[in-house]
Protein backbone atom coordinates (compact mmCIF):
# COMPACT_ATOMS: atom_id res chain seq x y z
CA MET A 1 0.00 0.00 0.00
CA SER A 2 1.33 3.40 -0.93
CA VAL A 3 1.94 6.02 1.75
CA PHE A 4 -0.32 8.36 -0.25
CA ASP A 5 -3.15 5.86 -0.64
CA PHE A 6 -6.38 7.86 -0.35
CA SER A 7 -8.70 4.86 -0.40
CA LEU A 8 -9.60 5.30 3.28
CA PHE A 9 -9.99 9.06 2.82
CA ALA A 10 -12.32 8.52 -0.16
CA LYS A 11 -14.60 6.31 1.95
CA GLY A 12 -15.48 9.39 3.99
CA GLY A 13 -17.53 10.84 1.18
CA PRO A 14 -17.75 14.42 -0.12
CA MET A 15 -17.57 16.07 3.29
CA MET A 16 -14.01 14.78 3.69
CA TRP A 17 -13.00 16.99 0.77
CA VAL A 18 -14.63 19.96 2.48
CA LEU A 19 -12.62 19.17 5.61
CA LEU A 20 -9.45 18.86 3.52
CA VAL A 21 -10.00 22.31 2.00
CA LEU A 22 -10.71 23.81 5.43
CA GLY A 23 -7.58 22.17 6.83
CA PHE A 24 -5.38 23.52 4.04
CA PHE A 25 -6.90 26.99 4.47
CA CYS A 26 -6.30 26.89 8.23
CA LEU A 27 -2.72 25.71 7.77
CA MET A 28 -1.92 28.56 5.37
CA LEU A 29 -3.40 31.11 7.78
CA PHE A 30 -1.44 29.65 10.69
CA ILE A 31 1.89 29.74 8.84
CA GLU A 32 1.29 33.31 7.68
CA ARG A 33 0.39 34.47 11.21
CA VAL A 34 3.37 32.72 12.81
CA LEU A 35 5.78 34.38 10.37
CA PHE A 36 4.10 37.78 10.77
CA LEU A 37 4.09 37.69 14.58
CA HIS A 38 7.66 36.37 14.70
CA ARG A 39 8.78 39.31 12.59
CA GLY A 40 6.88 41.76 14.77
CA GLN A 41 8.18 40.50 18.12
CA ILE A 42 11.50 42.04 19.09
CA LYS A 43 13.55 42.15 22.28
CA SER A 44 11.82 45.17 23.76
CA MET A 45 14.19 45.75 26.67
CA GLU A 46 17.24 45.80 24.42
CA PHE A 47 15.46 48.01 21.90
CA ILE A 48 14.38 50.57 24.51
CA SER A 49 17.86 50.57 26.05
CA GLY A 50 19.36 51.31 22.65
CA ILE A 51 16.90 54.15 22.04
CA LYS A 52 17.71 55.63 25.44
CA ASN A 53 21.43 55.51 24.73
CA ILE A 54 20.86 57.40 21.48
CA LEU A 55 18.64 59.96 23.20
CA ASP A 56 21.24 60.48 25.93
CA LYS A 57 23.39 61.92 23.15
CA ARG A 58 20.47 64.19 22.10
CA ARG A 59 20.17 62.42 18.73
CA ILE A 60 16.40 62.17 18.49
CA VAL A 61 16.38 62.04 14.68
CA GLU A 62 18.72 59.05 14.76
CA ALA A 63 16.44 57.39 17.31
CA MET A 64 13.43 57.86 15.02
CA THR A 65 15.43 56.44 12.12
CA VAL A 66 16.19 53.33 14.18
CA CYS A 67 12.47 53.00 14.93
CA GLU A 68 11.62 53.24 11.22
CA GLU A 69 14.15 50.54 10.36
CA THR A 70 12.94 48.20 13.12
CA PRO A 71 9.89 46.08 12.22
CA GLY A 72 7.00 45.56 14.55
CA PRO A 73 4.46 47.53 16.58
CA VAL A 74 6.82 48.27 19.48
CA ALA A 75 9.04 50.40 17.27
CA ALA A 76 5.97 52.17 15.83
CA VAL A 77 4.72 53.10 19.30
CA VAL A 78 8.15 54.34 20.38
CA LYS A 79 8.41 56.42 17.22
CA ALA A 80 5.02 58.02 17.98
CA ALA A 81 6.34 59.05 21.40
CA LEU A 82 9.52 60.48 19.88
CA LEU A 83 7.57 62.49 17.32
CA HIS A 84 5.75 64.22 20.17
CA ALA A 85 8.61 64.37 22.65
CA GLY A 86 8.21 68.12 23.13
CA GLU A 87 4.52 67.99 24.00
CA GLY A 88 2.78 67.49 27.33
CA ALA A 89 2.14 64.16 29.00
CA ASP A 90 -1.53 63.97 27.97
CA LYS A 91 -0.87 64.69 24.30
CA MET A 92 2.06 62.32 24.19
CA ARG A 93 -0.01 59.57 25.82
CA PHE A 94 -2.81 60.18 23.32
CA HIS A 95 -0.50 59.75 20.33
CA VAL A 96 1.15 56.67 21.84
CA GLN A 97 -2.24 55.05 22.45
CA GLU A 98 -3.36 56.02 18.96
CA ALA A 99 -0.30 54.33 17.44
CA ALA A 100 -0.98 51.21 19.52
CA LEU A 101 -4.60 51.09 18.35
CA VAL A 102 -3.44 51.29 14.74
CA GLU A 103 -1.13 48.31 15.25
CA LEU A 104 -3.55 46.02 17.13
CA PRO A 105 -5.83 45.11 14.18
CA ALA A 106 -2.81 43.93 12.19
CA LEU A 107 -1.81 41.63 15.06
CA GLU A 108 -5.29 40.12 15.40
CA ARG A 109 -5.95 39.79 11.67
CA ARG A 110 -7.05 36.33 10.47
CA LEU A 111 -7.25 34.89 14.00
CA GLY A 112 -11.02 34.96 13.68
CA SER A 113 -10.81 32.85 10.52
CA ILE A 114 -8.78 30.19 12.32
CA ALA A 115 -11.30 30.19 15.18
CA ALA A 116 -14.11 29.84 12.63
CA VAL A 117 -12.46 26.76 11.08
CA ALA A 118 -12.09 25.23 14.55
CA GLN A 119 -15.80 25.77 15.23
CA VAL A 120 -17.10 24.73 11.80
CA ALA A 121 -14.99 21.56 11.37
CA PRO A 122 -16.98 19.43 13.87
CA LEU A 123 -20.22 20.60 12.24
CA VAL A 124 -18.96 19.58 8.80
CA GLY A 125 -17.92 16.23 10.26
CA LEU A 126 -21.36 15.86 11.85
CA LEU A 127 -23.01 16.63 8.51
CA GLY A 128 -20.91 13.91 6.87
CA THR A 129 -21.92 11.53 9.65
CA VAL A 130 -25.60 12.28 9.09
CA LEU A 131 -25.22 11.81 5.34
CA GLY A 132 -23.55 8.45 5.92
CA MET A 133 -26.39 7.33 8.17
CA VAL A 134 -28.94 8.56 5.63
CA THR A 135 -27.22 6.46 2.97
CA THR A 136 -27.48 3.42 5.22
CA PHE A 137 -31.16 3.91 6.06
CA VAL A 138 -32.09 4.57 2.43
CA ALA A 139 -30.53 1.22 1.56
CA PHE A 140 -32.57 -0.47 4.30
CA GLU A 141 -35.76 1.24 3.16
CA ARG A 142 -35.35 0.14 -0.44
CA ASP A 143 -34.64 -3.46 0.57
CA TYR A 144 -31.33 -3.75 -1.22
CA ALA A 145 -29.07 -3.40 1.80
CA SER A 146 -25.96 -5.49 1.43
CA ALA A 147 -22.87 -5.72 3.56
CA SER A 148 -20.90 -3.48 1.21
CA ILE A 149 -23.59 -0.78 1.08
CA LEU A 150 -23.98 -0.79 4.86
CA ALA A 151 -20.21 -0.64 5.27
CA THR A 152 -20.03 2.32 2.88
CA GLY A 153 -22.53 4.31 4.94
CA MET A 154 -20.87 3.43 8.24
CA TRP A 155 -17.41 4.25 6.90
CA GLN A 156 -18.67 7.65 5.75
CA ALA A 157 -20.29 8.36 9.10
CA LEU A 158 -17.28 7.35 11.20
CA LEU A 159 -14.59 8.90 9.02
CA CYS A 160 -16.37 12.25 8.78
CA ALA A 161 -16.82 12.40 12.54
CA ALA A 162 -13.14 11.57 13.06
CA GLY A 163 -12.04 14.00 10.34
CA GLY A 164 -13.99 16.88 11.87
CA LEU A 165 -12.41 16.29 15.27
CA LEU A 166 -8.93 15.80 13.80
CA LEU A 167 -9.21 19.23 12.19
CA ALA A 168 -10.96 21.04 15.04
CA ILE A 169 -8.49 20.04 17.76
CA PRO A 170 -5.28 21.40 16.12
CA ALA A 171 -7.21 24.45 14.86
CA HIS A 172 -8.23 25.29 18.43
CA LEU A 173 -4.64 24.78 19.60
CA ALA A 174 -3.34 26.98 16.77
CA HIS A 175 -5.78 29.74 17.71
CA HIS A 176 -4.76 29.51 21.38
CA PHE A 177 -1.07 29.62 20.47
CA LEU A 178 -1.46 32.66 18.22
CA ASN A 179 -3.57 34.44 20.82
CA GLY A 180 -0.75 33.92 23.30
CA ARG A 181 1.75 35.44 20.88
CA VAL A 182 -0.51 38.43 20.32
CA ARG A 183 -0.95 38.97 24.07
CA ALA A 184 2.82 38.85 24.53
CA ILE A 185 3.34 41.51 21.85
CA VAL A 186 0.58 43.67 23.36
CA ARG A 187 2.32 43.52 26.74
CA ASP A 188 5.57 44.57 25.04
CA ILE A 189 3.75 47.49 23.39
CA GLU A 190 2.29 48.66 26.70
CA TRP A 191 5.60 48.34 28.51
CA ALA A 192 7.61 50.06 25.77
CA GLY A 193 5.10 52.90 25.48
CA ASN A 194 5.13 53.56 29.22
CA GLU A 195 8.90 53.24 29.46
CA ILE A 196 9.70 55.65 26.62
CA MET A 197 7.12 58.18 27.85
CA LYS A 198 8.55 58.07 31.36
CA TYR A 199 12.04 58.59 29.99
CA LEU A 200 11.05 61.48 27.71
CA LEU A 201 9.01 63.26 30.38
CA LEU A 202 11.55 62.89 33.19
CA ASP A 203 15.12 61.99 32.26
CA TYR A 204 15.26 63.44 28.74
CA ARG A 205 13.76 66.80 29.66
CA ALA A 206 15.68 67.02 32.93
CA ALA A 207 18.96 66.52 31.11
CA ALA A 208 18.30 69.37 28.65
CA PRO A 209 18.75 72.32 31.10
CA GLU A 210 21.90 70.79 32.53
CA GLN A 211 23.44 70.42 29.07
CA ASN A 212 22.45 74.00 28.24
CA ARG A 213 24.16 75.27 31.39
CA GLU A 214 27.29 73.30 30.57
CA LYS A 215 27.35 74.81 27.08
CA GLY A 216 26.92 78.29 28.58
CA GLN A 217 29.80 77.79 30.97
CA ASN A 218 32.05 76.62 28.15
């Protein structure tokens, strides 16, 4: 028997092909989301430390350039704070929160589709099960039920039920995994936004008068 023998799969009837299409669709979404979230998740502590070191040298334009070259929502939020570094705390917080709200939909995109596949797969499997049982009872009703016809209906019923569960379980796990990644990035966004705002409002502004006095003395 070949490794790619689809004889058992074919016994599941037409609903097995629906499950196969849903599974392929879910797999493509999962791979795309994993790659996207991996690209967007950076080492926030190291990134913020590097931005602070640049700002200590009063090179705010260079810091914004680093943010533009760094992928991910954390860099976008930090850049929003730097663009409004000279404004008050409320305005700066507003722009930081606005930048975070712009980034959140991109993080959560397509997660709903994966959740939908996880919820629909058992229903498709149940439909295939019902169709298999209908096939069996129609054969009984028409008085031509044979062992092969009964086996065909039972195979379809059992395989569709198993196929729906085999798709729903990993789809639920994939959705849970991706949700965890999104929550981790959201925590990084919140921490980075608060950290850069605190630095700009306290340390960065406090250092400016001292440097001006040193320049005046020189």
